[in-house]
Amino acid sequence: MSEDTEIARGRKTFSVLADGRELFYFDDAATGPDAGGPPDRAAARDLRALPPVSTSSTMRYDRVLAEWVAIAGHRQARTYLPPDDACPLCPSRDNHQSEIPAHDYDVVVFENRFPSFTLAPEPEPEGDDGLFVSRAGFGRCEVVCFTSDHDAAFSSLTPSRARTVIDAWADRTQALSDIAGIEQVFCFENRGEEIGVTLSHPHGQIYGYPFVTPRTRRALRSAREHLERTGRNLFADIVEAEIRSGERIVARNASWTAFVPFAARWPLEVHLYPHRQSPDLAALTDAERDDLSHIYLEVLRRMERVHDDSLPYIAAWHQAPVRHDRDLACLHLEIFSSRRAPGKLKYLAGSESAMGAFVNDVLPEEAAQLLRDARP
């Protein structure tokens, strides 16, 4: 089954994998309807004989920290660093059928075969004796492939392709937000084996959580306190203060400002904010998405050139909860790397892992200068 729909730019095509999981092709504007369209995605069929997806995801509530913890034992069996010719995220070939049936693609989003959360979990009785609370691991986990080129990276994409990825994120953010029970949508990329990536093909993920994450709850609590004290939005005030200071600004354009935060936790850490307060990616205008595609690539390329070494990083989109506090929140991107020097990584050891108290070896102002000096 396949269905084509036009989006703001390019084309979106819906299909179904052999085990029933959903897949979406997002094609660049250059290969969209105005340019005659890409190859017929409907002709690409998943020829694999796959068993049904079987998950065992549950959630357990940590009474001490007031946080949900997902338990997903089936993920132990997920694909781990396969050879390049067996990559499950490359396009399918005659001698290798992958997760993407097409022989080529621009951007693809599909349901993860080894999800931390699932919309159809196996029946699991809820437990609640006051201290030990558990429930089914309801939610949604998707994989986003940025390009069919196995040897590429997000930083090597063209602005047009980066814009297609942004449109895919926005589309899926809205789609997952419309699902009853999803409370927050998280788009992110893990890059590099040092971060724990198990597939080297350039890709990211999208989680639809059945709760508002602890980091977001803390941030919104601070934003609420700031609003009650000053009558202003905390995130907007931080961006304005960073612009006035200028010490930690890395890059700017008409719609976005990128800066190293005053209290950076990581050796290389950049926050990217829109100038117009927006709750999520779906709310961005065409102009804001275009500007984002350029500044995002510039920031990544600057970060890659600071050290003569690989750049393991996490790129994390902070979006407003789906159903509350959307006026308090402000969409922003955090990109941070554990690379502190060539051949050296920052590890989350005792203070960070056990107590949540970060110690950064690099002065944020010095990191910002290194990034400004790096040629994008």
Protein backbone atom coordinates (compact mmCIF):
# COMPACT_ATOMS: atom_id res chain seq x y z
CA MET A 1 0.00 0.00 0.00
CA SER A 2 1.32 3.43 -0.92
CA GLU A 3 -0.18 6.91 -0.87
CA ASP A 4 1.33 10.18 -2.13
CA THR A 5 0.60 13.56 -0.58
CA GLU A 6 2.02 17.00 -1.29
CA ILE A 7 3.67 18.84 1.59
CA ALA A 8 4.97 22.41 1.85
CA ARG A 9 7.96 21.41 -0.27
CA GLY A 10 8.49 18.20 -2.19
CA ARG A 11 6.38 15.10 -1.71
CA LYS A 12 5.51 12.67 1.06
CA THR A 13 4.69 9.04 0.26
CA PHE A 14 3.21 6.58 2.73
CA SER A 15 3.98 2.86 2.54
CA VAL A 16 3.90 -0.25 4.73
CA LEU A 17 6.74 -2.68 5.48
CA ALA A 18 6.36 -6.44 5.37
CA ASP A 19 5.61 -6.70 9.09
CA GLY A 20 3.03 -3.91 9.02
CA ARG A 21 5.20 -1.04 10.23
CA GLU A 22 4.60 2.36 8.66
CA LEU A 23 7.16 4.06 6.41
CA PHE A 24 7.17 7.57 4.90
CA TYR A 25 9.30 8.86 2.03
CA PHE A 26 10.00 12.60 2.05
CA ASP A 27 11.37 13.85 -1.26
CA ASP A 28 13.29 17.09 -1.79
CA ALA A 29 11.56 20.01 -3.46
CA ALA A 30 13.85 19.53 -6.49
CA THR A 31 12.35 16.06 -7.00
CA GLY A 32 8.84 17.02 -5.94
CA PRO A 33 5.69 17.55 -8.02
CA ASP A 34 6.90 20.76 -9.69
CA ALA A 35 9.94 18.94 -11.06
CA GLY A 36 8.03 15.94 -12.33
CA GLY A 37 8.36 13.97 -9.11
CA PRO A 38 10.78 11.32 -7.88
CA PRO A 39 10.66 7.68 -8.94
CA ASP A 40 7.37 5.92 -8.20
CA ARG A 41 7.61 5.04 -4.50
CA ALA A 42 4.51 2.86 -4.78
CA ALA A 43 6.51 0.42 -6.90
CA ALA A 44 8.98 -0.22 -4.07
CA ARG A 45 7.77 -3.28 -2.13
CA ASP A 46 9.27 -4.82 0.99
CA LEU A 47 10.14 -8.34 -0.21
CA ARG A 48 11.36 -9.65 3.15
CA ALA A 49 9.56 -12.39 5.08
CA LEU A 50 9.47 -10.66 8.45
CA PRO A 51 7.81 -11.99 11.60
CA PRO A 52 5.46 -9.63 13.43
CA VAL A 53 7.15 -7.08 15.68
CA SER A 54 7.24 -8.41 19.22
CA THR A 55 7.93 -5.99 22.06
CA SER A 56 8.03 -6.25 25.82
CA SER A 57 8.20 -2.58 26.75
CA THR A 58 6.91 -1.53 30.14
CA MET A 59 7.32 1.55 32.29
CA ARG A 60 8.15 1.64 35.97
CA TYR A 61 7.77 4.70 38.18
CA ASP A 62 10.70 5.85 40.29
CA ARG A 63 9.04 7.17 43.45
CA VAL A 64 12.21 8.84 44.71
CA LEU A 65 12.88 10.94 41.60
CA ALA A 66 9.25 11.08 40.39
CA GLU A 67 10.27 9.82 36.93
CA TRP A 68 9.16 7.06 34.59
CA VAL A 69 11.79 4.52 33.46
CA ALA A 70 11.17 2.44 30.32
CA ILE A 71 12.14 -1.25 30.48
CA ALA A 72 12.58 -2.70 26.97
CA GLY A 73 14.43 -6.02 27.14
CA HIS A 74 13.71 -6.88 23.50
CA ARG A 75 16.11 -4.10 22.42
CA GLN A 76 19.03 -6.32 23.42
CA ALA A 77 18.50 -8.09 20.10
CA ARG A 78 18.70 -4.96 17.92
CA THR A 79 21.19 -4.73 15.07
CA TYR A 80 24.65 -3.77 16.31
CA LEU A 81 27.31 -2.19 14.05
CA PRO A 82 26.71 -4.33 10.95
CA PRO A 83 29.20 -4.25 8.05
CA ASP A 84 28.53 -1.55 5.48
CA ASP A 85 27.21 -4.01 2.90
CA ALA A 86 24.58 -5.22 5.39
CA CYS A 87 23.42 -1.81 6.59
CA PRO A 88 19.65 -1.90 7.27
CA LEU A 89 19.30 1.83 6.51
CA CYS A 90 20.80 1.80 3.02
CA PRO A 91 18.44 1.45 0.05
CA SER A 92 17.48 -2.09 -0.88
CA ARG A 93 19.46 -3.87 -3.57
CA ASP A 94 18.87 -7.12 -5.40
CA ASN A 95 21.25 -8.92 -3.04
CA HIS A 96 20.32 -7.02 0.13
CA GLN A 97 16.80 -6.15 1.24
CA SER A 98 16.90 -3.42 3.89
CA GLU A 99 14.40 -1.47 5.98
CA ILE A 100 13.91 0.85 2.99
CA PRO A 101 12.42 -0.99 -0.02
CA ALA A 102 13.29 1.72 -2.56
CA HIS A 103 16.56 1.57 -4.52
CA ASP A 104 17.20 5.22 -3.65
CA TYR A 105 15.63 7.88 -1.44
CA ASP A 106 15.98 11.43 -0.14
CA VAL A 107 14.65 11.23 3.44
CA VAL A 108 12.80 8.31 5.02
CA VAL A 109 10.96 7.91 8.32
CA PHE A 110 9.78 4.51 9.54
CA GLU A 111 8.67 2.78 12.71
CA ASN A 112 11.57 1.33 14.69
CA ARG A 113 11.59 -2.47 14.71
CA PHE A 114 13.14 -2.40 18.20
CA PRO A 115 11.21 0.42 19.88
CA SER A 116 11.47 1.64 23.46
CA PHE A 117 7.75 2.45 23.27
CA THR A 118 5.00 1.14 21.02
CA LEU A 119 1.40 2.06 20.26
CA ALA A 120 0.38 -1.59 20.49
CA PRO A 121 2.28 -3.10 23.43
CA GLU A 122 1.69 -6.67 24.44
CA PRO A 123 -0.93 -6.85 27.20
CA GLU A 124 0.77 -6.06 30.47
CA PRO A 125 -1.22 -5.75 33.70
CA GLU A 126 -0.76 -2.42 35.40
CA GLY A 127 0.59 -2.65 38.90
CA ASP A 128 0.19 -0.20 41.76
CA ASP A 129 0.75 -1.10 45.39
CA GLY A 130 1.68 2.42 46.35
CA LEU A 131 5.43 2.15 45.82
CA PHE A 132 5.83 -0.14 42.81
CA VAL A 133 3.85 1.37 39.93
CA SER A 134 4.10 0.00 36.39
CA ARG A 135 2.20 0.27 33.14
CA ALA A 136 2.52 -0.71 29.48
CA GLY A 137 5.21 1.11 27.49
CA PHE A 138 2.80 3.03 25.27
CA GLY A 139 4.35 5.45 22.79
CA ARG A 140 5.95 5.70 19.37
CA CYS A 141 9.56 5.34 18.17
CA GLU A 142 10.59 6.22 14.62
CA VAL A 143 13.87 6.22 12.67
CA VAL A 144 14.75 9.14 10.38
CA CYS A 145 17.25 8.47 7.59
CA PHE A 146 18.74 11.76 6.37
CA THR A 147 20.15 10.46 3.09
CA SER A 148 20.66 7.25 1.16
CA ASP A 149 24.44 7.92 1.14
CA HIS A 150 25.91 5.63 3.77
CA ASP A 151 29.15 7.61 4.04
CA ALA A 152 27.54 11.03 4.46
CA ALA A 153 26.79 12.98 7.65
CA PHE A 154 24.20 15.57 8.51
CA SER A 155 26.89 18.24 8.15
CA SER A 156 27.55 17.16 4.56
CA LEU A 157 23.93 17.62 3.46
CA THR A 158 22.91 20.47 1.20
CA PRO A 159 20.64 23.17 2.68
CA SER A 160 17.85 21.80 0.48
CA ARG A 161 18.23 18.31 1.95
CA ALA A 162 18.51 19.69 5.49
CA ARG A 163 15.25 21.53 4.82
CA THR A 164 13.62 18.25 3.79
CA VAL A 165 14.74 16.69 7.08
CA ILE A 166 13.30 19.68 8.96
CA ASP A 167 10.00 19.26 7.10
CA ALA A 168 9.98 15.56 7.99
CA TRP A 169 10.59 16.37 11.66
CA ALA A 170 7.78 18.93 11.59
CA ASP A 171 5.39 16.56 9.83
CA ARG A 172 6.04 13.72 12.26
CA THR A 173 5.92 16.06 15.27
CA GLN A 174 2.39 17.06 14.27
CA ALA A 175 1.34 13.48 13.46
CA LEU A 176 2.58 12.09 16.77
CA SER A 177 1.11 15.03 18.69
CA ASP A 178 -2.29 14.08 17.28
CA ILE A 179 -2.12 10.60 18.85
CA ALA A 180 -4.13 10.35 22.07
CA GLY A 181 -1.79 9.56 24.95
CA ILE A 182 1.36 11.09 23.45
CA GLU A 183 2.46 13.95 25.71
CA GLN A 184 5.78 15.06 24.19
CA VAL A 185 7.62 14.56 20.87
CA PHE A 186 11.42 14.40 20.83
CA CYS A 187 13.47 14.56 17.60
CA PHE A 188 17.17 13.80 18.03
CA GLU A 189 20.36 12.52 16.44
CA ASN A 190 23.11 10.46 18.06
CA ARG A 191 26.34 10.61 16.06
CA GLY A 192 29.45 8.48 16.60
CA GLU A 193 30.28 5.19 18.27
CA GLU A 194 31.54 7.13 21.31
CA ILE A 195 27.95 8.23 21.88
CA GLY A 196 26.69 4.65 21.58
CA VAL A 197 25.43 4.62 18.00
CA THR A 198 24.78 1.07 16.76
CA LEU A 199 24.23 1.97 13.07
CA SER A 200 26.72 4.22 11.28
CA HIS A 201 24.36 5.30 8.49
CA PRO A 202 23.39 8.99 8.97
CA HIS A 203 20.11 8.90 10.83
CA GLY A 204 18.20 10.18 13.82
CA GLN A 205 15.16 9.18 15.81
CA ILE A 206 11.81 10.51 16.97
CA TYR A 207 10.21 9.48 20.26
CA GLY A 208 6.59 10.07 21.16
CA TYR A 209 6.59 9.90 24.96
CA PRO A 210 3.50 9.06 27.04
CA PHE A 211 4.72 11.57 29.63
CA VAL A 212 6.50 14.92 29.80
CA THR A 213 10.20 14.23 30.25
CA PRO A 214 12.00 15.18 33.50
CA ARG A 215 14.26 17.75 31.77
CA THR A 216 11.26 19.50 30.24
CA ARG A 217 9.32 19.53 33.50
CA ARG A 218 12.26 21.17 35.29
CA ALA A 219 12.72 23.75 32.54
CA LEU A 220 9.03 24.65 32.52
CA ARG A 221 9.01 25.00 36.29
CA SER A 222 11.86 27.52 36.00
CA ALA A 223 10.02 29.30 33.15
CA ARG A 224 6.85 29.54 35.25
CA GLU A 225 8.73 30.98 38.22
CA HIS A 226 10.47 33.51 35.93
CA LEU A 227 7.13 34.55 34.41
CA GLU A 228 5.56 35.04 37.83
CA ARG A 229 8.54 37.07 39.00
CA THR A 230 9.16 39.22 35.92
CA GLY A 231 6.15 38.87 33.63
CA ARG A 232 8.45 37.76 30.81
CA ASN A 233 9.37 34.52 29.06
CA LEU A 234 12.55 32.94 30.43
CA PHE A 235 13.80 31.56 27.11
CA ALA A 236 13.27 34.85 25.26
CA ASP A 237 15.12 36.70 28.01
CA ILE A 238 18.07 34.29 27.81
CA VAL A 239 18.38 34.74 24.05
CA GLU A 240 18.19 38.53 24.37
CA ALA A 241 20.82 38.51 27.12
CA GLU A 242 23.16 36.34 25.05
CA ILE A 243 22.76 38.66 22.06
CA ARG A 244 23.48 41.75 24.21
CA SER A 245 26.55 40.08 25.70
CA GLY A 246 27.87 38.73 22.42
CA GLU A 247 30.63 36.79 24.22
CA ARG A 248 29.21 33.38 23.45
CA ILE A 249 27.45 33.99 20.11
CA VAL A 250 28.54 31.49 17.46
CA ALA A 251 26.27 32.33 14.50
CA ARG A 252 23.17 34.36 13.65
CA ASN A 253 20.80 34.92 10.75
CA ALA A 254 17.41 36.56 10.25
CA SER A 255 15.48 33.93 12.21
CA TRP A 256 17.94 32.14 14.52
CA THR A 257 20.75 32.71 17.00
CA ALA A 258 23.30 30.06 18.01
CA PHE A 259 25.36 30.44 21.16
CA VAL A 260 27.36 28.53 23.76
CA PRO A 261 25.23 28.71 26.93
CA PHE A 262 26.55 30.62 29.94
CA ALA A 263 26.45 27.44 32.07
CA ALA A 264 27.50 24.94 29.39
CA ARG A 265 27.81 21.40 30.70
CA TRP A 266 29.77 19.97 27.77
CA PRO A 267 33.18 20.88 26.25
CA LEU A 268 31.45 21.77 22.97
CA GLU A 269 27.82 22.77 23.41
CA VAL A 270 25.71 25.06 21.24
CA HIS A 271 22.09 26.10 21.71
CA LEU A 272 20.09 27.26 18.71
CA TYR A 273 16.96 29.40 19.28
CA PRO A 274 14.44 30.97 16.89
CA HIS A 275 13.93 34.72 17.32
CA ARG A 276 10.16 34.19 17.32
CA GLN A 277 8.98 32.12 20.27
CA SER A 278 7.60 28.88 18.81
CA PRO A 279 6.32 25.80 20.66
CA ASP A 280 7.56 23.16 18.21
CA LEU A 281 8.97 22.41 14.78
CA ALA A 282 5.52 22.13 13.22
CA ALA A 283 4.85 25.79 14.08
CA LEU A 284 7.88 27.14 12.17
CA THR A 285 7.23 29.26 9.08
CA ASP A 286 8.75 28.51 5.68
CA ALA A 287 11.28 31.33 6.15
CA GLU A 288 12.27 30.04 9.60
CA ARG A 289 12.76 26.52 8.23
CA ASP A 290 14.90 27.82 5.38
CA ASP A 291 17.05 29.87 7.75
CA LEU A 292 17.33 26.90 10.11
CA SER A 293 18.65 24.65 7.33
CA HIS A 294 21.58 27.05 6.78
CA ILE A 295 22.52 27.88 10.36
CA TYR A 296 22.18 24.27 11.52
CA LEU A 297 24.72 23.16 8.93
CA GLU A 298 27.02 26.08 9.76
CA VAL A 299 27.03 25.22 13.48
CA LEU A 300 27.73 21.53 12.88
CA ARG A 301 30.57 22.32 10.47
CA ARG A 302 32.13 24.76 12.93
CA MET A 303 31.94 22.15 15.68
CA GLU A 304 33.60 19.56 13.44
CA ARG A 305 36.54 21.86 12.74
CA VAL A 306 37.39 22.76 16.35
CA HIS A 307 39.40 19.57 16.93
CA ASP A 308 41.40 17.49 14.49
CA ASP A 309 39.35 14.45 15.43
CA SER A 310 35.88 12.98 14.99
CA LEU A 311 32.91 14.82 16.48
CA PRO A 312 30.69 12.50 18.51
CA TYR A 313 27.58 14.49 19.32
CA ILE A 314 23.94 14.53 20.31
CA ALA A 315 21.54 16.96 18.64
CA ALA A 316 18.36 17.26 20.72
CA TRP A 317 15.23 19.24 19.85
CA HIS A 318 13.39 20.58 22.89
CA GLN A 319 9.71 20.99 22.03
CA ALA A 320 6.73 22.04 24.11
CA PRO A 321 4.52 19.38 25.69
CA VAL A 322 1.61 18.47 23.47
CA ARG A 323 -1.21 19.50 25.78
CA HIS A 324 -0.05 22.06 28.33
CA ASP A 325 2.43 24.87 29.04
CA ARG A 326 2.92 25.53 25.34
CA ASP A 327 2.96 29.27 26.01
CA LEU A 328 5.80 28.85 28.52
CA ALA A 329 8.01 26.65 26.32
CA CYS A 330 10.24 27.70 23.45
CA LEU A 331 11.47 25.39 20.73
CA HIS A 332 15.25 25.11 20.70
CA LEU A 333 18.04 22.78 19.65
CA GLU A 334 20.92 21.65 21.83
CA ILE A 335 23.99 20.18 20.12
CA PHE A 336 26.71 18.91 22.42
CA SER A 337 29.81 16.78 22.10
CA SER A 338 31.81 14.74 24.58
CA ARG A 339 35.00 15.55 22.63
CA ARG A 340 37.12 17.78 24.94
CA ALA A 341 40.41 17.52 23.03
CA PRO A 342 41.91 15.40 20.23
CA GLY A 343 41.94 11.81 21.47
CA LYS A 344 40.11 12.74 24.67
CA LEU A 345 36.47 12.44 25.71
CA LYS A 346 34.49 13.79 28.62
CA TYR A 347 32.92 10.90 30.51
CA LEU A 348 29.93 11.21 32.80
CA ALA A 349 31.58 9.81 35.89
CA GLY A 350 30.73 10.07 39.58
CA SER A 351 29.59 13.68 39.94
CA GLU A 352 27.61 13.76 36.69
CA SER A 353 26.15 10.24 36.62
CA ALA A 354 25.50 9.73 40.33
CA MET A 355 24.63 13.26 41.45
CA GLY A 356 23.65 15.07 38.25
CA ALA A 357 26.21 17.78 39.02
CA PHE A 358 28.21 18.63 35.90
CA VAL A 359 31.82 19.77 35.84
CA ASN A 360 32.99 21.29 32.54
CA ASP A 361 36.72 21.46 31.76
CA VAL A 362 36.27 24.12 29.04
CA LEU A 363 35.33 27.76 29.71
CA PRO A 364 32.18 28.51 27.65
CA GLU A 365 33.62 31.80 26.37
CA GLU A 366 36.73 29.98 25.13
CA ALA A 367 34.59 27.35 23.44
CA ALA A 368 32.58 30.08 21.71
CA GLN A 369 35.79 31.69 20.43
CA LEU A 370 37.05 28.35 19.11
CA LEU A 371 33.77 27.91 17.25
CA ARG A 372 33.84 31.45 15.82
CA ASP A 373 37.42 30.91 14.63
CA ALA A 374 36.56 27.58 12.96
CA ARG A 375 35.79 27.85 9.26
CA PRO A 376 32.33 26.39 8.45
